[in-house]
Protein backbone atom coordinates (compact mmCIF):
# COMPACT_ATOMS: atom_id res chain seq x y z
CA MET A 1 159.45 96.47 6.69
CA SER A 2 158.54 93.86 4.08
CA GLU A 3 160.90 90.93 3.45
CA THR A 4 160.30 91.22 -0.30
CA PRO A 5 160.24 94.32 -2.51
CA THR A 6 157.01 95.76 -3.88
CA LEU A 7 157.57 96.71 -7.50
CA PRO A 8 155.27 97.94 -10.30
CA SER A 9 154.27 95.47 -13.03
CA THR A 10 155.74 97.87 -15.58
CA PRO A 11 159.10 99.25 -14.44
CA TYR A 12 159.47 102.91 -13.68
CA ASN A 13 161.20 105.11 -16.21
CA TYR A 14 164.88 105.55 -15.39
CA ALA A 15 166.37 105.33 -18.87
CA ASN A 16 164.72 108.36 -20.46
CA LEU A 17 164.31 111.10 -17.91
CA GLN A 18 162.46 114.15 -19.23
CA LEU A 19 165.29 116.58 -18.60
CA PRO A 20 165.04 120.28 -19.46
CA ALA A 21 166.89 121.42 -22.57
CA TYR A 22 169.70 123.15 -20.65
CA LEU A 23 170.61 119.76 -19.12
CA THR A 24 170.85 118.06 -22.51
CA THR A 25 173.33 120.39 -24.22
CA GLN A 26 176.54 119.13 -25.75
CA GLN A 27 178.47 120.49 -22.79
CA ILE A 28 176.34 118.66 -20.21
CA ASN A 29 176.22 115.45 -22.23
CA GLY A 30 180.00 115.63 -22.42
CA GLN A 31 180.13 115.32 -18.63
CA ASN A 32 178.17 112.07 -18.61
CA ASN A 33 180.39 109.26 -17.31
CA THR A 34 177.99 106.42 -18.21
CA PRO A 35 180.03 103.72 -20.00
CA SER A 36 178.86 102.23 -23.29
CA ASN A 37 178.66 98.76 -21.72
CA ASN A 38 176.36 99.84 -18.89
CA GLN A 39 173.70 102.16 -20.25
CA ILE A 40 170.74 102.72 -17.94
CA THR A 41 167.74 100.49 -18.58
CA ASN A 42 164.47 100.49 -16.67
CA ASP A 43 164.85 96.88 -15.57
CA GLY A 44 168.54 97.33 -14.76
CA ALA A 45 167.91 100.36 -12.56
CA THR A 46 164.97 98.58 -10.93
CA LEU A 47 167.30 95.76 -9.92
CA GLY A 48 169.76 98.39 -8.76
CA ARG A 49 167.07 100.03 -6.64
CA VAL A 50 166.31 96.74 -4.87
CA LEU A 51 169.99 96.05 -4.29
CA PHE A 52 170.52 99.62 -3.06
CA TYR A 53 167.83 99.27 -0.38
CA ASP A 54 168.31 95.60 0.53
CA LYS A 55 169.91 95.12 3.96
CA LYS A 56 170.64 91.54 3.01
CA LEU A 57 173.68 92.87 1.17
CA SER A 58 175.36 93.33 4.56
CA TYR A 59 176.91 90.57 6.65
CA ASN A 60 174.20 90.55 9.33
CA ASN A 61 171.27 91.98 7.31
CA THR A 62 171.29 95.32 9.15
CA VAL A 63 172.72 97.85 6.68
CA ALA A 64 171.99 98.76 3.06
CA CYS A 65 173.53 101.28 0.69
CA ALA A 66 170.51 103.45 1.49
CA SER A 67 171.39 103.41 5.19
CA CYS A 68 174.17 105.91 4.45
CA HIS A 69 172.57 107.57 1.40
CA LYS A 70 169.07 108.61 2.38
CA GLN A 71 166.54 109.83 -0.16
CA THR A 72 165.25 112.57 2.15
CA ASN A 73 168.79 113.95 2.48
CA SER A 74 169.64 114.12 -1.23
CA PHE A 75 171.08 110.61 -0.87
CA SER A 76 173.59 111.61 1.79
CA ASP A 77 173.81 110.88 5.52
CA PRO A 78 172.72 113.60 8.00
CA VAL A 79 175.31 112.53 10.56
CA LYS A 80 179.03 113.29 10.54
CA PHE A 81 180.08 109.66 10.09
CA SER A 82 177.90 106.71 9.12
CA THR A 83 177.33 103.60 11.24
CA GLY A 84 178.25 100.23 9.75
CA PHE A 85 176.85 96.73 10.15
CA ASN A 86 178.64 96.04 13.43
CA GLY A 87 178.28 99.49 15.00
CA GLY A 88 181.57 100.90 13.74
CA GLN A 89 181.81 104.33 12.16
CA THR A 90 183.12 105.36 8.77
CA SER A 91 186.13 107.66 8.60
CA ARG A 92 184.45 110.15 6.25
CA ASN A 93 181.05 111.70 5.72
CA SER A 94 178.76 110.01 3.19
CA MET A 95 178.40 112.45 0.30
CA SER A 96 175.33 112.95 -1.85
CA LEU A 97 174.86 110.70 -4.87
CA LEU A 98 172.84 113.26 -6.84
CA ASN A 99 174.18 113.97 -10.32
CA ALA A 100 176.84 111.26 -9.93
CA ARG A 101 176.74 110.63 -13.66
CA TYR A 102 177.93 114.17 -14.37
CA TYR A 103 181.44 113.93 -12.90
CA PRO A 104 183.52 114.05 -16.08
CA ASN A 105 186.35 111.90 -14.75
CA GLY A 106 183.82 109.35 -13.48
CA ARG A 107 185.67 108.77 -10.20
CA PHE A 108 183.99 108.12 -6.86
CA PHE A 109 184.67 108.46 -3.13
CA TRP A 110 186.14 111.58 -1.54
CA ASP A 111 189.63 110.42 -2.51
CA GLU A 112 188.49 109.37 -6.00
CA ARG A 113 190.00 105.91 -5.54
CA ALA A 114 187.14 104.25 -7.43
CA LEU A 115 187.55 104.51 -11.20
CA ASN A 116 183.81 104.59 -11.82
CA ALA A 117 180.40 103.98 -10.29
CA GLU A 118 180.68 100.25 -10.96
CA HIS A 119 183.91 100.06 -8.99
CA GLN A 120 182.42 102.23 -6.24
CA ALA A 121 179.38 99.99 -5.82
CA SER A 122 181.40 97.10 -4.41
CA GLY A 123 183.43 99.30 -2.05
CA PRO A 124 180.93 99.70 0.82
CA ILE A 125 179.71 96.11 0.42
CA THR A 126 183.17 94.67 1.05
CA ASN A 127 184.30 97.31 3.54
CA SER A 128 185.02 95.81 6.97
CA VAL A 129 183.20 98.67 8.73
CA GLU A 130 180.31 99.39 6.39
CA MET A 131 178.70 96.13 5.20
CA GLY A 132 181.28 93.42 5.89
CA MET A 133 180.66 91.09 2.97
CA THR A 134 182.90 89.39 0.41
CA ILE A 135 181.79 89.32 -3.20
CA PRO A 136 181.71 85.47 -3.42
CA SER A 137 179.59 85.29 -0.26
CA LEU A 138 177.28 88.00 -1.60
CA VAL A 139 176.74 86.13 -4.87
CA THR A 140 175.93 82.96 -2.93
CA LYS A 141 173.57 84.88 -0.66
CA LEU A 142 171.67 86.57 -3.49
CA ASN A 143 171.25 83.23 -5.27
CA SER A 144 169.40 81.97 -2.20
CA ILE A 145 166.93 84.90 -2.11
CA SER A 146 163.72 84.17 -3.99
CA TYR A 147 163.14 87.51 -5.73
CA TYR A 148 166.59 88.00 -7.25
CA PRO A 149 166.65 85.45 -10.09
CA THR A 150 163.58 87.05 -11.67
CA LEU A 151 165.02 90.55 -11.29
CA PHE A 152 168.32 89.49 -12.87
CA GLN A 153 166.40 87.77 -15.67
CA LYS A 154 164.52 90.97 -16.47
CA ALA A 155 167.64 93.10 -16.29
CA TYR A 156 170.08 90.84 -18.16
CA GLY A 157 168.11 88.16 -19.95
CA THR A 158 169.28 85.28 -17.72
CA THR A 159 169.00 84.44 -14.04
CA THR A 160 172.77 84.34 -13.62
CA ILE A 161 173.90 86.37 -10.62
CA ASP A 162 177.52 87.50 -10.58
CA SER A 163 179.60 90.37 -9.28
CA THR A 164 179.67 92.27 -12.56
CA ARG A 165 175.90 92.29 -12.87
CA ILE A 166 175.44 93.32 -9.25
CA VAL A 167 177.66 96.39 -9.47
CA ARG A 168 176.38 97.39 -12.89
CA ALA A 169 172.78 97.42 -11.66
CA ILE A 170 173.63 99.51 -8.61
CA ALA A 171 175.60 101.91 -10.82
CA GLN A 172 172.62 102.27 -13.16
CA PHE A 173 170.35 103.21 -10.28
CA VAL A 174 172.87 105.71 -8.90
CA ARG A 175 173.44 107.34 -12.29
CA SER A 176 169.68 107.75 -12.73
CA MET A 177 169.60 110.13 -9.73
CA VAL A 178 169.54 113.40 -11.64
CA ALA A 179 168.37 116.60 -9.95
CA TYR A 180 166.24 118.84 -12.16
CA ARG A 181 163.13 119.77 -10.16
CA SER A 182 164.30 122.57 -7.89
CA LYS A 183 163.32 126.21 -7.51
CA TYR A 184 166.42 126.97 -9.58
CA ASP A 185 165.09 124.77 -12.39
CA ASN A 186 161.65 126.33 -12.21
CA GLY A 187 163.26 129.71 -12.80
CA ARG A 188 165.83 128.51 -15.29
CA SER A 189 163.14 126.96 -17.50
CA SER A 190 161.90 130.46 -18.38
CA PHE A 191 164.96 130.96 -20.59
CA GLY A 192 166.78 129.27 -23.45
CA THR A 193 169.99 127.28 -23.24
CA ASN A 194 172.25 130.31 -23.69
CA ILE A 195 171.87 132.92 -20.96
CA ASN A 196 174.16 134.83 -18.65
CA LEU A 197 173.42 133.11 -15.35
CA ALA A 198 175.05 135.88 -13.35
CA THR A 199 173.00 138.77 -14.67
CA THR A 200 169.70 137.17 -15.68
CA ASN A 201 167.18 137.50 -12.88
CA PHE A 202 164.92 134.48 -12.43
CA PRO A 203 161.26 135.55 -12.18
CA ASN A 204 160.47 133.11 -9.35
CA PHE A 205 163.48 134.17 -7.25
CA SER A 206 163.43 136.72 -4.48
CA ALA A 207 165.75 139.70 -4.80
CA GLU A 208 168.01 138.02 -2.25
CA GLU A 209 168.16 134.76 -4.22
CA ASN A 210 168.96 136.59 -7.46
CA GLN A 211 171.69 138.51 -5.66
CA GLY A 212 173.11 135.24 -4.32
CA LYS A 213 173.08 133.77 -7.83
CA ASN A 214 175.02 136.77 -9.09
CA ILE A 215 177.61 136.36 -6.32
CA PHE A 216 177.92 132.64 -7.02
CA PHE A 217 178.76 133.22 -10.69
CA THR A 218 180.88 136.37 -10.29
CA VAL A 219 182.80 137.59 -7.23
CA GLY A 220 182.29 134.35 -5.32
CA ASN A 221 183.87 132.37 -8.17
CA CYS A 222 181.95 129.33 -6.87
CA ALA A 223 181.25 128.15 -10.41
CA ALA A 224 184.97 127.60 -10.97
CA CYS A 225 184.72 124.39 -8.93
CA HIS A 226 181.00 123.70 -9.28
CA GLY A 227 180.56 124.66 -12.90
CA THR A 228 177.80 124.11 -15.43
CA GLU A 229 174.21 123.60 -14.38
CA THR A 230 174.87 120.17 -12.93
CA PHE A 231 176.94 122.06 -10.32
CA THR A 232 179.63 119.37 -10.37
CA ALA A 233 183.41 119.64 -10.70
CA PRO A 234 185.76 117.93 -13.17
CA GLY A 235 188.12 116.62 -10.50
CA ALA A 236 189.42 116.74 -6.93
CA ARG A 237 190.90 119.89 -5.40
CA ASN A 238 192.45 121.22 -2.21
CA ASN A 239 190.02 123.79 -0.83
CA GLY A 240 192.18 125.06 2.02
CA LEU A 241 190.45 123.41 4.94
CA ASP A 242 193.72 122.90 6.84
CA LEU A 243 197.39 123.76 6.76
CA THR A 244 198.21 120.19 7.80
CA TYR A 245 195.92 117.31 6.91
CA THR A 246 195.50 114.16 8.96
CA ASP A 247 193.53 112.78 6.00
CA ASN A 248 195.41 113.47 2.78
CA GLY A 249 192.58 112.41 0.46
CA VAL A 250 193.73 111.77 -3.10
CA GLY A 251 197.34 112.21 -2.02
CA ALA A 252 197.07 109.25 0.34
CA ILE A 253 195.97 107.07 -2.58
CA THR A 254 198.45 108.27 -5.21
CA GLY A 255 201.40 109.00 -2.93
CA ASN A 256 201.78 112.30 -4.75
CA ASN A 257 202.60 115.09 -2.29
CA ASN A 258 201.17 117.61 -4.73
CA GLN A 259 197.76 116.00 -4.20
CA ARG A 260 197.76 116.09 -0.41
CA GLY A 261 194.45 117.43 0.80
CA PHE A 262 192.74 116.88 -2.55
CA PHE A 263 189.11 115.81 -2.22
CA LYS A 264 186.25 115.34 -4.65
CA SER A 265 183.98 118.37 -5.10
CA PRO A 266 180.42 117.04 -4.82
CA SER A 267 177.54 118.47 -6.79
CA LEU A 268 175.78 121.34 -5.07
CA ARG A 269 172.42 120.08 -6.22
CA GLY A 270 170.39 119.34 -3.10
CA ILE A 271 173.08 120.79 -0.81
CA GLU A 272 170.55 122.26 1.62
CA LEU A 273 169.73 118.69 2.70
CA THR A 274 173.24 117.21 2.80
CA ALA A 275 174.65 118.64 6.04
CA PRO A 276 177.13 118.15 7.61
CA TYR A 277 179.59 119.35 5.00
CA MET A 278 183.12 118.49 3.78
CA HIS A 279 184.78 115.08 3.80
CA ASP A 280 184.96 115.08 7.59
CA GLY A 281 181.58 116.69 8.24
CA ARG A 282 183.20 119.60 10.08
CA PHE A 283 180.64 122.21 9.05
CA THR A 284 177.07 121.81 10.23
CA THR A 285 175.49 124.69 8.30
CA LEU A 286 175.73 126.33 4.90
CA ASN A 287 176.53 129.58 6.68
CA GLN A 288 179.71 127.97 8.00
CA VAL A 289 180.60 126.68 4.53
CA VAL A 290 180.16 130.14 3.00
CA GLU A 291 182.22 131.71 5.79
CA HIS A 292 185.05 129.26 5.09
CA TYR A 293 185.25 130.41 1.47
CA ASN A 294 184.72 134.02 2.52
CA SER A 295 187.45 134.28 5.15
CA GLY A 296 188.75 130.89 6.26
CA VAL A 297 190.67 129.35 3.34
CA LYS A 298 194.12 128.21 4.53
CA ALA A 299 197.36 128.75 2.61
CA HIS A 300 198.14 125.10 2.02
CA PRO A 301 200.88 124.54 -0.60
CA ASN A 302 198.43 122.56 -2.74
CA LEU A 303 195.60 125.07 -2.51
CA SER A 304 193.50 125.17 -5.67
CA GLN A 305 194.33 128.08 -7.98
CA GLU A 306 190.66 129.07 -8.00
CA LEU A 307 190.95 129.94 -4.32
CA LYS A 308 194.05 132.11 -4.64
CA GLY A 309 194.23 135.83 -5.15
CA PRO A 310 196.61 137.62 -7.56
CA ASN A 311 199.32 137.52 -4.87
CA GLY A 312 199.10 133.73 -4.60
CA GLN A 313 197.62 133.89 -1.11
CA PRO A 314 194.17 132.57 -0.16
CA ARG A 315 191.46 134.71 -1.69
CA ARG A 316 189.28 136.69 0.72
CA LEU A 317 185.84 137.56 -0.59
CA ASN A 318 185.08 140.13 2.12
CA LEU A 319 181.36 139.64 1.66
CA SER A 320 178.99 141.50 3.93
CA GLN A 321 176.64 139.53 6.17
CA GLN A 322 173.81 140.39 3.80
CA GLN A 323 175.77 139.08 0.81
CA LYS A 324 176.64 135.87 2.63
CA SER A 325 172.99 135.35 3.48
CA ALA A 326 172.09 135.94 -0.16
CA LEU A 327 174.58 133.30 -1.29
CA VAL A 328 173.10 130.79 1.15
CA ALA A 329 169.61 131.67 -0.09
CA PHE A 330 170.71 130.90 -3.65
CA LEU A 331 172.26 127.57 -2.66
CA LYS A 332 168.93 126.56 -1.14
CA THR A 333 167.22 127.07 -4.52
CA LEU A 334 169.19 124.04 -5.74
CA THR A 335 167.17 121.72 -3.49
CA ASP A 336 165.41 119.15 -5.65
CA THR A 337 162.10 118.62 -3.89
CA GLY A 338 160.97 116.21 -6.61
CA ILE A 339 163.60 113.52 -6.17
CA ALA A 340 163.22 113.62 -2.38
CA SER A 341 159.71 112.20 -2.72
CA ASP A 342 159.92 110.37 -6.06
CA VAL A 343 158.65 106.80 -5.68
CA ARG A 344 161.18 105.63 -8.28
CA TYR A 345 163.95 106.29 -5.77
CA SER A 346 162.12 105.20 -2.64
CA ASN A 347 162.55 102.07 -0.53
CA PRO A 348 160.78 99.17 -2.29
CA PHE A 349 160.76 97.18 0.95
CA ASN A 350 158.46 99.63 2.73
């Protein structure tokens, strides 16, 4: 691996992605959590890309943000828990970063303790297990690395390196990770912005995939928590994984018993590549995830209303094996093969 990043003379385009019309509607734009004081720029996201992949951001130069958020895995980690700079393991699975800009409340981490992507960016860097740095020591370290002053100059107009500029650049890069080049998108592009997603068959889908799409948007009620075509959710929920939680998620942060077992609902874009699943990585396959929602939801007091039946008990879908397979087939159409190989999001140190 190179000690210095290899970058194009003209920065890649991050600021003006050529998104399909159905991802630029008023509804989708309303989900965008990008703050007015940190709009994505090509030079800003380029700096963010270098920071994201640079192992020098860790205490002993062994771990980068990308170590736990791998491009080939929809920017998630394919192991249950990630390994930090000193060999320790994280307490939760590293979720995908795809479509991070489309969480309406803007919050990050499974327990949503970070107010926004900028706040999130410093979390792993200063975590005693993950990267082991302090912000003052990081600023000092980056000032001693030859390629950073020029990158900060291009991004911000001066060579000044400080904590605010570091986290803003990383946040720009993360928010530029939008999924829109999947089999789903290839089919969706055949229609206008207003269609019935449940009943409209996509011409490039198999009969099984179209059936799975119908289940997703109707009897499965999956869209209630992964709504709109970004497949993100507006906030954290309890999805009935356990009757008693050892990790209370949002409730552990807020102290609110009514939020025990609340966890962020990640975007389903790219989900085929983000196993293992859930905050603790308990499910290794999409079949197991579908079976949980089909028959395994627990009657926790804080269970999300979307997962309850008319009697207030956990909803049972009672899907046949063929229907469950169809739902999995549909979920796999959300895999963005473009971003997995896009040089804009690749390791500049390779």
